Amino acid sequence: MKKMFLVFTMLFCAVLFSCSNEEGETVGVDGVEQERWTVESILEEYPEADIFLYNGSIYTTNIDWVDELTLTKGEKIGVITEQAEKGDTNYENGTASKLTEGTIIYKAEEREDILIAEENDKISYYLIQTEG
């Protein structure tokens, strides 16, 4: 019985690892897949993208399935510290393409991959696109 479990576990791991991508997970913006999105690659492909950088990760909004969710604002985790000028791709944590300085960023209670921005009583959901 132990041999059978061990063989099953090894086969499961082999299948799991053979399906993974060594260079990282494929992520998408507007349904377009790319190995790793960067601020530069997103803004080059989508110059009007609404993004911000938080904790080393890029977050983007206006994703249909995300906008259809009903999420609860959780803990306040940050504030937008700078609105980038059009064409600028040198983002630091707290830099946004559209959100204005002072916009409050919250965790979403229901999901770890979505943050909530509140600007002038308007709520927007931002999905993580890449890390690092």
N, C-alpha and C. Protein backbone atom coordinates (compact mmCIF):
# COMPACT_ATOMS: atom_id res chain seq x y z
N MET A 1 0.82 -1.19 0.00
CA MET A 1 0.00 0.00 0.00
C MET A 1 0.87 1.26 0.00
N LYS A 2 1.97 1.24 0.81
CA LYS A 2 2.86 2.39 0.86
C LYS A 2 3.53 2.61 -0.48
N LYS A 3 3.91 1.51 -1.16
CA LYS A 3 4.55 1.64 -2.48
C LYS A 3 3.59 2.28 -3.48
N MET A 4 2.33 1.85 -3.42
CA MET A 4 1.33 2.40 -4.33
C MET A 4 1.17 3.90 -4.10
N PHE A 5 1.09 4.32 -2.85
CA PHE A 5 0.96 5.74 -2.51
C PHE A 5 2.18 6.51 -3.00
N LEU A 6 3.38 5.96 -2.78
CA LEU A 6 4.61 6.61 -3.21
C LEU A 6 4.66 6.76 -4.72
N VAL A 7 4.30 5.70 -5.44
CA VAL A 7 4.29 5.75 -6.91
C VAL A 7 3.28 6.80 -7.38
N PHE A 8 2.09 6.81 -6.81
CA PHE A 8 1.07 7.78 -7.17
C PHE A 8 1.56 9.20 -6.92
N THR A 9 2.19 9.43 -5.77
CA THR A 9 2.69 10.75 -5.43
C THR A 9 3.77 11.19 -6.41
N MET A 10 4.67 10.28 -6.75
CA MET A 10 5.75 10.62 -7.70
C MET A 10 5.17 10.95 -9.08
N LEU A 11 4.20 10.15 -9.53
CA LEU A 11 3.57 10.43 -10.83
C LEU A 11 2.85 11.77 -10.81
N PHE A 12 2.14 12.06 -9.74
CA PHE A 12 1.43 13.33 -9.60
C PHE A 12 2.42 14.50 -9.68
N CYS A 13 3.53 14.39 -8.96
CA CYS A 13 4.54 15.46 -8.97
C CYS A 13 5.16 15.61 -10.35
N ALA A 14 5.42 14.50 -11.03
CA ALA A 14 6.01 14.56 -12.37
C ALA A 14 5.09 15.29 -13.34
N VAL A 15 3.81 14.96 -13.27
CA VAL A 15 2.84 15.62 -14.15
C VAL A 15 2.74 17.10 -13.79
N LEU A 16 2.67 17.40 -12.51
CA LEU A 16 2.55 18.77 -12.05
C LEU A 16 3.73 19.62 -12.51
N PHE A 17 4.95 19.12 -12.33
CA PHE A 17 6.13 19.90 -12.70
C PHE A 17 6.34 19.96 -14.21
N SER A 18 5.90 18.96 -14.94
CA SER A 18 6.06 19.01 -16.39
C SER A 18 5.13 20.03 -17.02
N CYS A 19 4.07 20.41 -16.31
CA CYS A 19 3.13 21.40 -16.82
C CYS A 19 3.49 22.82 -16.42
N SER A 20 4.48 22.98 -15.56
CA SER A 20 4.83 24.32 -15.11
C SER A 20 5.81 24.96 -16.08
N ASN A 21 5.92 26.27 -15.99
CA ASN A 21 6.80 27.04 -16.85
C ASN A 21 7.95 27.55 -16.02
N GLU A 22 9.18 27.20 -16.39
CA GLU A 22 10.35 27.58 -15.60
C GLU A 22 10.53 29.08 -15.49
N GLU A 23 10.10 29.83 -16.48
CA GLU A 23 10.33 31.27 -16.49
C GLU A 23 9.26 32.03 -15.73
N GLY A 24 8.30 31.37 -15.20
CA GLY A 24 7.27 32.06 -14.43
C GLY A 24 5.90 31.84 -15.02
N GLU A 25 4.95 32.19 -14.25
CA GLU A 25 3.56 32.00 -14.59
C GLU A 25 3.14 32.98 -15.68
N THR A 26 2.32 32.51 -16.61
CA THR A 26 1.77 33.38 -17.63
C THR A 26 0.64 34.20 -17.03
N VAL A 27 0.69 35.49 -17.24
CA VAL A 27 -0.33 36.38 -16.72
C VAL A 27 -0.94 37.14 -17.89
N GLY A 28 -2.09 37.74 -17.67
CA GLY A 28 -2.73 38.43 -18.77
C GLY A 28 -3.30 39.77 -18.41
N VAL A 29 -3.29 40.65 -19.38
CA VAL A 29 -3.96 41.94 -19.28
C VAL A 29 -4.92 41.98 -20.46
N ASP A 30 -6.18 42.22 -20.20
CA ASP A 30 -7.20 42.24 -21.25
C ASP A 30 -7.19 40.97 -22.10
N GLY A 31 -6.90 39.83 -21.47
CA GLY A 31 -6.93 38.56 -22.17
C GLY A 31 -5.69 38.26 -22.98
N VAL A 32 -4.72 39.17 -23.04
CA VAL A 32 -3.48 38.94 -23.76
C VAL A 32 -2.48 38.32 -22.78
N GLU A 33 -1.92 37.17 -23.17
CA GLU A 33 -0.99 36.50 -22.28
C GLU A 33 0.44 36.90 -22.59
N GLN A 34 1.22 37.03 -21.55
CA GLN A 34 2.63 37.37 -21.68
C GLN A 34 3.34 36.74 -20.50
N GLU A 35 4.59 36.36 -20.68
CA GLU A 35 5.32 35.71 -19.59
C GLU A 35 5.39 36.57 -18.35
N ARG A 36 5.89 37.78 -18.45
CA ARG A 36 6.02 38.67 -17.31
C ARG A 36 5.71 40.09 -17.75
N TRP A 37 4.65 40.66 -17.20
CA TRP A 37 4.33 42.04 -17.49
C TRP A 37 5.23 42.93 -16.65
N THR A 38 5.68 44.02 -17.24
CA THR A 38 6.39 45.07 -16.52
C THR A 38 5.60 46.36 -16.75
N VAL A 39 5.90 47.37 -15.96
CA VAL A 39 5.23 48.66 -16.18
C VAL A 39 5.45 49.09 -17.62
N GLU A 40 6.67 48.96 -18.08
CA GLU A 40 7.01 49.38 -19.44
C GLU A 40 6.22 48.59 -20.49
N SER A 41 6.15 47.26 -20.34
CA SER A 41 5.46 46.45 -21.36
C SER A 41 3.95 46.70 -21.34
N ILE A 42 3.37 46.90 -20.16
CA ILE A 42 1.94 47.18 -20.09
C ILE A 42 1.64 48.52 -20.76
N LEU A 43 2.40 49.56 -20.41
CA LEU A 43 2.13 50.89 -20.96
C LEU A 43 2.49 50.99 -22.45
N GLU A 44 3.42 50.15 -22.89
CA GLU A 44 3.73 50.12 -24.32
C GLU A 44 2.57 49.50 -25.09
N GLU A 45 2.02 48.42 -24.56
CA GLU A 45 0.89 47.73 -25.20
C GLU A 45 -0.43 48.48 -25.02
N TYR A 46 -0.61 49.07 -23.83
CA TYR A 46 -1.84 49.77 -23.47
C TYR A 46 -1.49 51.13 -22.86
N PRO A 47 -1.23 52.13 -23.68
CA PRO A 47 -0.78 53.44 -23.17
C PRO A 47 -1.77 54.09 -22.19
N GLU A 48 -3.04 53.75 -22.26
CA GLU A 48 -4.04 54.34 -21.37
C GLU A 48 -4.37 53.44 -20.18
N ALA A 49 -3.56 52.42 -19.94
CA ALA A 49 -3.83 51.49 -18.83
C ALA A 49 -3.85 52.22 -17.49
N ASP A 50 -4.73 51.77 -16.63
CA ASP A 50 -4.88 52.31 -15.27
C ASP A 50 -4.19 51.31 -14.33
N ILE A 51 -2.95 51.61 -13.96
CA ILE A 51 -2.15 50.69 -13.15
C ILE A 51 -1.53 51.42 -11.97
N PHE A 52 -1.09 50.65 -10.99
CA PHE A 52 -0.23 51.20 -9.95
C PHE A 52 0.69 50.11 -9.44
N LEU A 53 1.78 50.53 -8.80
CA LEU A 53 2.76 49.61 -8.24
C LEU A 53 2.63 49.63 -6.73
N TYR A 54 2.43 48.45 -6.17
CA TYR A 54 2.33 48.32 -4.72
C TYR A 54 3.13 47.10 -4.28
N ASN A 55 4.02 47.31 -3.35
CA ASN A 55 4.79 46.22 -2.76
C ASN A 55 5.49 45.37 -3.82
N GLY A 56 6.00 46.03 -4.85
CA GLY A 56 6.74 45.35 -5.91
C GLY A 56 5.88 44.65 -6.95
N SER A 57 4.57 44.81 -6.88
CA SER A 57 3.66 44.15 -7.82
C SER A 57 2.84 45.19 -8.59
N ILE A 58 2.53 44.86 -9.83
CA ILE A 58 1.72 45.74 -10.67
C ILE A 58 0.26 45.32 -10.54
N TYR A 59 -0.61 46.30 -10.34
CA TYR A 59 -2.06 46.07 -10.26
C TYR A 59 -2.73 46.88 -11.36
N THR A 60 -3.74 46.29 -11.99
CA THR A 60 -4.46 46.96 -13.07
C THR A 60 -5.96 46.81 -12.89
N THR A 61 -6.71 47.77 -13.41
CA THR A 61 -8.16 47.77 -13.26
C THR A 61 -8.83 47.66 -14.63
N ASN A 62 -10.15 47.79 -14.63
CA ASN A 62 -10.97 47.70 -15.85
C ASN A 62 -10.88 46.32 -16.49
N ILE A 63 -10.97 45.30 -15.65
CA ILE A 63 -11.02 43.91 -16.10
C ILE A 63 -12.44 43.44 -15.83
N ASP A 64 -13.16 43.08 -16.88
CA ASP A 64 -14.59 42.81 -16.79
C ASP A 64 -14.96 41.86 -15.65
N TRP A 65 -14.34 40.70 -15.60
CA TRP A 65 -14.75 39.72 -14.58
C TRP A 65 -14.45 40.22 -13.17
N VAL A 66 -13.40 41.03 -13.02
CA VAL A 66 -13.07 41.58 -11.70
C VAL A 66 -14.10 42.64 -11.32
N ASP A 67 -14.45 43.48 -12.28
CA ASP A 67 -15.43 44.55 -12.01
C ASP A 67 -16.81 44.01 -11.65
N GLU A 68 -17.10 42.78 -12.05
CA GLU A 68 -18.39 42.16 -11.73
C GLU A 68 -18.45 41.62 -10.31
N LEU A 69 -17.32 41.52 -9.64
CA LEU A 69 -17.29 41.00 -8.27
C LEU A 69 -17.87 42.01 -7.29
N THR A 70 -18.32 41.51 -6.16
CA THR A 70 -18.74 42.36 -5.05
C THR A 70 -17.76 42.08 -3.92
N LEU A 71 -16.92 43.07 -3.63
CA LEU A 71 -15.87 42.90 -2.64
C LEU A 71 -16.04 43.90 -1.50
N THR A 72 -15.49 43.54 -0.36
CA THR A 72 -15.56 44.37 0.84
C THR A 72 -14.20 44.97 1.11
N LYS A 73 -14.17 46.28 1.38
CA LYS A 73 -12.92 46.94 1.75
C LYS A 73 -12.45 46.37 3.08
N GLY A 74 -11.20 45.98 3.10
CA GLY A 74 -10.59 45.50 4.33
C GLY A 74 -9.68 46.56 4.90
N GLU A 75 -8.55 46.10 5.40
CA GLU A 75 -7.56 46.96 6.03
C GLU A 75 -6.95 47.94 5.03
N LYS A 76 -6.77 49.18 5.46
CA LYS A 76 -6.06 50.18 4.65
C LYS A 76 -4.58 49.76 4.63
N ILE A 77 -4.03 49.64 3.41
CA ILE A 77 -2.64 49.18 3.31
C ILE A 77 -1.70 50.20 2.69
N GLY A 78 -2.24 51.26 2.15
CA GLY A 78 -1.36 52.24 1.53
C GLY A 78 -2.10 53.40 0.91
N VAL A 79 -1.29 54.27 0.31
CA VAL A 79 -1.79 55.47 -0.34
C VAL A 79 -0.97 55.68 -1.60
N ILE A 80 -1.61 56.16 -2.65
CA ILE A 80 -0.86 56.51 -3.86
C ILE A 80 -0.03 57.75 -3.54
N THR A 81 1.26 57.66 -3.77
CA THR A 81 2.17 58.75 -3.42
C THR A 81 2.55 59.62 -4.61
N GLU A 82 2.32 59.10 -5.82
CA GLU A 82 2.70 59.87 -7.01
C GLU A 82 1.88 59.41 -8.20
N GLN A 83 1.45 60.37 -9.01
CA GLN A 83 0.82 60.06 -10.29
C GLN A 83 1.88 60.28 -11.37
N ALA A 84 2.20 59.22 -12.09
CA ALA A 84 3.25 59.29 -13.11
C ALA A 84 2.81 60.18 -14.27
N GLU A 85 3.77 60.82 -14.88
CA GLU A 85 3.49 61.59 -16.09
C GLU A 85 3.34 60.61 -17.25
N LYS A 86 2.53 60.97 -18.22
CA LYS A 86 2.31 60.11 -19.38
C LYS A 86 3.65 59.76 -20.04
N GLY A 87 3.86 58.49 -20.27
CA GLY A 87 5.10 58.02 -20.89
C GLY A 87 6.17 57.62 -19.89
N ASP A 88 6.02 58.01 -18.63
CA ASP A 88 7.00 57.65 -17.60
C ASP A 88 6.77 56.20 -17.21
N THR A 89 7.83 55.38 -17.22
CA THR A 89 7.72 53.98 -16.82
C THR A 89 8.60 53.67 -15.60
N ASN A 90 9.16 54.70 -15.01
CA ASN A 90 10.01 54.53 -13.84
C ASN A 90 9.14 54.61 -12.58
N TYR A 91 8.44 53.52 -12.29
CA TYR A 91 7.51 53.49 -11.15
C TYR A 91 8.21 52.98 -9.90
N GLU A 92 7.83 53.57 -8.78
CA GLU A 92 8.23 53.07 -7.47
C GLU A 92 6.95 52.69 -6.74
N ASN A 93 7.06 51.98 -5.63
CA ASN A 93 5.87 51.63 -4.86
C ASN A 93 5.06 52.89 -4.56
N GLY A 94 3.77 52.83 -4.86
CA GLY A 94 2.89 53.97 -4.63
C GLY A 94 2.67 54.84 -5.86
N THR A 95 3.34 54.52 -6.98
CA THR A 95 3.16 55.29 -8.21
C THR A 95 2.00 54.71 -9.02
N ALA A 96 1.18 55.59 -9.58
CA ALA A 96 0.02 55.18 -10.38
C ALA A 96 0.00 55.92 -11.71
N SER A 97 -0.62 55.30 -12.70
CA SER A 97 -0.76 55.96 -14.00
C SER A 97 -1.96 56.90 -14.03
N LYS A 98 -3.03 56.58 -13.33
CA LYS A 98 -4.25 57.39 -13.36
C LYS A 98 -4.69 57.89 -11.99
N LEU A 99 -4.54 57.05 -10.97
CA LEU A 99 -4.98 57.45 -9.62
C LEU A 99 -4.16 58.65 -9.15
N THR A 100 -4.81 59.53 -8.43
CA THR A 100 -4.13 60.74 -7.95
C THR A 100 -3.47 60.50 -6.59
N GLU A 101 -2.51 61.36 -6.28
CA GLU A 101 -1.85 61.31 -4.98
C GLU A 101 -2.90 61.36 -3.88
N GLY A 102 -2.70 60.54 -2.86
CA GLY A 102 -3.62 60.53 -1.74
C GLY A 102 -4.73 59.49 -1.85
N THR A 103 -4.88 58.85 -3.01
CA THR A 103 -5.88 57.79 -3.15
C THR A 103 -5.55 56.66 -2.18
N ILE A 104 -6.55 56.22 -1.43
CA ILE A 104 -6.34 55.18 -0.42
C ILE A 104 -6.49 53.80 -1.04
N ILE A 105 -5.59 52.91 -0.66
CA ILE A 105 -5.60 51.52 -1.14
C ILE A 105 -5.94 50.60 0.03
N TYR A 106 -6.89 49.68 -0.23
CA TYR A 106 -7.34 48.72 0.78
C TYR A 106 -7.15 47.29 0.28
N LYS A 107 -7.03 46.37 1.21
CA LYS A 107 -7.12 44.95 0.88
C LYS A 107 -8.57 44.65 0.57
N ALA A 108 -8.80 43.63 -0.25
CA ALA A 108 -10.15 43.10 -0.44
C ALA A 108 -10.32 41.95 0.54
N GLU A 109 -11.39 41.97 1.31
CA GLU A 109 -11.61 40.92 2.32
C GLU A 109 -11.68 39.53 1.69
N GLU A 110 -12.28 39.44 0.50
CA GLU A 110 -12.58 38.15 -0.09
C GLU A 110 -11.46 37.56 -0.95
N ARG A 111 -10.51 38.40 -1.38
CA ARG A 111 -9.47 37.92 -2.31
C ARG A 111 -8.14 38.57 -2.00
N GLU A 112 -7.08 37.77 -2.10
CA GLU A 112 -5.74 38.30 -1.85
C GLU A 112 -5.10 38.91 -3.10
N ASP A 113 -5.63 38.60 -4.28
CA ASP A 113 -5.03 39.06 -5.53
C ASP A 113 -5.66 40.36 -6.05
N ILE A 114 -6.59 40.93 -5.28
CA ILE A 114 -7.26 42.16 -5.70
C ILE A 114 -7.13 43.19 -4.58
N LEU A 115 -6.79 44.42 -4.98
CA LEU A 115 -6.78 45.54 -4.05
C LEU A 115 -7.89 46.51 -4.46
N ILE A 116 -8.35 47.30 -3.51
CA ILE A 116 -9.44 48.24 -3.75
C ILE A 116 -8.90 49.65 -3.57
N ALA A 117 -9.13 50.49 -4.57
CA ALA A 117 -8.74 51.91 -4.49
C ALA A 117 -9.99 52.74 -4.30
N GLU A 118 -9.91 53.72 -3.39
CA GLU A 118 -11.02 54.64 -3.18
C GLU A 118 -10.52 56.05 -3.43
N GLU A 119 -11.08 56.64 -4.48
CA GLU A 119 -10.69 57.99 -4.89
C GLU A 119 -11.95 58.82 -5.09
N ASN A 120 -12.11 59.87 -4.29
CA ASN A 120 -13.29 60.74 -4.38
C ASN A 120 -14.58 59.93 -4.32
N ASP A 121 -14.69 59.04 -3.35
CA ASP A 121 -15.86 58.20 -3.13
C ASP A 121 -16.12 57.21 -4.26
N LYS A 122 -15.19 57.05 -5.20
CA LYS A 122 -15.32 56.07 -6.27
C LYS A 122 -14.44 54.87 -5.92
N ILE A 123 -15.00 53.67 -6.01
CA ILE A 123 -14.30 52.43 -5.70
C ILE A 123 -13.89 51.74 -7.00
N SER A 124 -12.63 51.29 -7.07
CA SER A 124 -12.14 50.53 -8.22
C SER A 124 -11.39 49.31 -7.72
N TYR A 125 -11.56 48.19 -8.43
CA TYR A 125 -10.85 46.95 -8.10
C TYR A 125 -9.64 46.81 -9.01
N TYR A 126 -8.51 46.45 -8.41
CA TYR A 126 -7.26 46.28 -9.14
C TYR A 126 -6.73 44.87 -8.92
N LEU A 127 -6.51 44.15 -10.02
CA LEU A 127 -6.01 42.78 -9.99
C LEU A 127 -4.50 42.77 -10.15
N ILE A 128 -3.83 41.95 -9.34
CA ILE A 128 -2.39 41.81 -9.45
C ILE A 128 -2.05 41.22 -10.82
N GLN A 129 -1.01 41.76 -11.46
CA GLN A 129 -0.59 41.26 -12.77
C GLN A 129 0.74 40.53 -12.73
N THR A 130 1.62 40.99 -11.88
CA THR A 130 2.93 40.34 -11.80
C THR A 130 3.58 40.71 -10.49
N GLU A 131 4.52 39.90 -10.10
CA GLU A 131 5.26 40.18 -8.88
C GLU A 131 6.73 40.29 -9.22
N GLY A 132 7.42 41.08 -8.43
CA GLY A 132 8.87 41.14 -8.55
C GLY A 132 9.40 42.17 -9.46
